[in-house]
């Protein structure tokens, strides 16, 4: 933006010098040839067109900067929201891992009890088998 501002200042200064030179020539009573006046006028119009173009480009650049700034802000907000969601999901995952560990421990305890119960039932069956055989032969 400083470059555009500098260019505008240089253009304005050049236009001022052209105007001053023409004014001095007219003030001295010198006649300025029509070709010189036409050339000066054409140069002035060209400089003004370039200045307008520079202003237009500067405005477009400022609009693009603002659009990018807004997009960056939106991305920053979205990124922050994603971090929050990830943190919540991580907490849920950790809670689920703890629940799974608790359920696994309970399953292992129940499996151990089942083995013990099975061993106890096998022992009872073994103890009752001779009685059942005696009773069935009698």
Protein backbone atom coordinates (compact mmCIF):
# COMPACT_ATOMS: atom_id res chain seq x y z
CA UNK A 1 0.00 0.00 0.00
CA UNK A 2 2.91 2.35 0.65
CA UNK A 3 4.02 1.85 -2.95
CA UNK A 4 0.64 2.97 -4.25
CA UNK A 5 0.61 5.96 -1.94
CA UNK A 6 4.12 6.90 -3.08
CA UNK A 7 3.10 6.55 -6.74
CA UNK A 8 0.06 8.77 -6.19
CA UNK A 9 2.24 11.40 -4.52
CA UNK A 10 4.75 11.30 -7.38
CA UNK A 11 1.95 11.60 -9.96
CA UNK A 12 0.41 14.55 -8.10
CA UNK A 13 3.78 16.26 -7.87
CA UNK A 14 4.38 15.75 -11.62
CA UNK A 15 0.96 17.16 -12.44
CA UNK A 16 1.62 20.13 -10.19
CA UNK A 17 4.96 20.78 -11.94
CA UNK A 18 3.31 20.57 -15.37
CA UNK A 19 0.59 22.98 -14.27
CA UNK A 20 3.14 25.35 -12.76
CA UNK A 21 5.28 25.31 -15.89
CA UNK A 22 2.28 26.03 -18.08
CA UNK A 23 1.14 28.77 -15.71
CA UNK A 24 4.57 30.38 -15.68
CA UNK A 25 4.73 30.30 -19.46
CA UNK A 26 1.30 31.90 -19.66
CA UNK A 27 2.23 34.45 -16.96
CA UNK A 28 5.32 35.56 -18.89
CA UNK A 29 3.17 36.12 -21.89
CA UNK A 30 4.76 33.25 -23.73
CA UNK A 31 2.47 31.52 -26.01
CA UNK A 32 2.46 27.85 -25.53
CA UNK A 33 2.18 26.05 -28.82
CA UNK A 34 -1.10 24.14 -29.12
CA UNK A 35 0.82 20.90 -29.71
CA UNK A 36 2.62 21.30 -26.36
CA UNK A 37 -0.65 22.07 -24.61
CA UNK A 38 -2.30 19.04 -26.20
CA UNK A 39 0.65 16.85 -25.25
CA UNK A 40 0.58 18.15 -21.66
CA UNK A 41 -3.17 17.56 -21.48
CA UNK A 42 -2.77 14.02 -22.85
CA UNK A 43 -0.01 13.33 -20.34
CA UNK A 44 -2.19 14.68 -17.53
CA UNK A 45 -5.10 12.44 -18.59
CA UNK A 46 -2.78 9.41 -18.82
CA UNK A 47 -1.41 10.12 -15.35
CA UNK A 48 -4.94 10.50 -13.99
CA UNK A 49 -5.98 7.18 -15.60
CA UNK A 50 -2.95 5.47 -14.06
CA UNK A 51 -3.76 7.02 -10.68
CA UNK A 52 -7.38 5.80 -10.95
CA UNK A 53 -6.16 2.36 -11.92
CA UNK A 54 -3.75 2.33 -8.97
CA UNK A 55 -6.57 3.37 -6.61
CA UNK A 56 -8.83 0.68 -8.07
CA UNK A 57 -6.13 -1.96 -7.64
CA UNK A 58 -5.50 -0.77 -4.09
CA UNK A 59 -9.20 -1.01 -3.30
CA UNK A 60 -9.36 -4.50 -4.79
CA UNK A 61 -6.28 -5.52 -2.81
CA UNK A 62 -7.78 -4.14 0.41
CA UNK A 63 -11.02 -6.02 -0.25
CA UNK A 64 -9.06 -9.24 -0.85
CA UNK A 65 -7.06 -8.68 2.33
CA UNK A 66 -10.27 -8.19 4.29
CA UNK A 67 -11.80 -11.32 2.73
CA UNK A 68 -8.70 -13.32 3.62
CA UNK A 69 -8.68 -11.86 7.14
CA UNK A 70 -12.30 -12.95 7.60
CA UNK A 71 -11.54 -16.40 6.19
CA UNK A 72 -8.60 -16.71 8.57
CA UNK A 73 -10.79 -15.70 11.48
CA UNK A 74 -13.42 -18.27 10.46
CA UNK A 75 -10.73 -20.94 10.17
CA UNK A 76 -9.36 -19.97 13.58
CA UNK A 77 -12.82 -20.31 15.12
CA UNK A 78 -13.39 -23.64 13.35
CA UNK A 79 -9.98 -24.87 14.48
CA UNK A 80 -10.78 -23.91 18.07
CA UNK A 81 -14.13 -25.72 17.86
CA UNK A 82 -12.43 -28.80 16.43
CA UNK A 83 -9.90 -28.79 19.28
CA UNK A 84 -12.76 -28.65 21.76
CA UNK A 85 -14.55 -31.52 20.01
CA UNK A 86 -11.37 -33.58 19.90
CA UNK A 87 -10.86 -32.99 23.62
CA UNK A 88 -14.44 -34.11 24.35
CA UNK A 89 -14.03 -37.20 22.16
CA UNK A 90 -10.72 -38.00 23.83
CA UNK A 91 -12.34 -37.75 27.26
CA UNK A 92 -15.17 -40.05 26.08
CA UNK A 93 -12.62 -42.49 24.66
CA UNK A 94 -10.73 -42.51 27.96
CA UNK A 95 -13.98 -43.05 29.90
CA UNK A 96 -14.92 -45.89 27.55
CA UNK A 97 -11.47 -47.44 27.96
CA UNK A 98 -11.94 -47.36 31.74
CA UNK A 99 -15.41 -48.92 31.39
CA UNK A 100 -14.02 -51.61 29.09
CA UNK A 101 -11.27 -52.36 31.61
CA UNK A 102 -13.86 -52.59 34.39
CA UNK A 103 -16.07 -54.88 32.28
CA UNK A 104 -13.04 -57.04 31.37
CA UNK A 105 -12.13 -57.37 35.04
CA UNK A 106 -15.71 -58.31 35.88
CA UNK A 107 -15.78 -60.83 33.01
CA UNK A 108 -12.53 -62.38 34.23
CA UNK A 109 -13.92 -62.56 37.79
CA UNK A 110 -17.10 -64.23 36.55
CA UNK A 111 -15.09 -66.63 34.35
CA UNK A 112 -13.00 -67.52 37.40
CA UNK A 113 -16.14 -68.13 39.46
CA UNK A 114 -17.53 -70.26 36.65
CA UNK A 115 -14.40 -72.40 36.63
CA UNK A 116 -14.64 -72.76 40.41
CA UNK A 117 -18.35 -73.63 40.18
CA UNK A 118 -17.62 -76.16 37.44
CA UNK A 119 -14.89 -77.76 39.54
CA UNK A 120 -17.25 -77.91 42.52
CA UNK A 121 -20.00 -79.47 40.37
CA UNK A 122 -17.53 -82.00 38.94
CA UNK A 123 -16.49 -82.91 42.48
CA UNK A 124 -20.12 -83.31 43.54
CA UNK A 125 -20.90 -85.44 40.49
CA UNK A 126 -17.87 -87.57 41.20
CA UNK A 127 -18.98 -88.00 44.81
CA UNK A 128 -22.58 -88.80 43.84
CA UNK A 129 -21.76 -91.19 41.00
CA UNK A 130 -20.99 -94.17 43.27
CA UNK A 131 -24.21 -93.58 45.20
CA UNK A 132 -26.26 -93.40 42.00
CA UNK A 133 -24.66 -96.59 40.69
CA UNK A 134 -25.33 -98.41 43.95
CA UNK A 135 -28.88 -97.23 43.95
CA UNK A 136 -29.47 -98.23 40.35
CA UNK A 137 -28.02 -101.80 40.99
CA UNK A 138 -30.04 -102.37 43.99
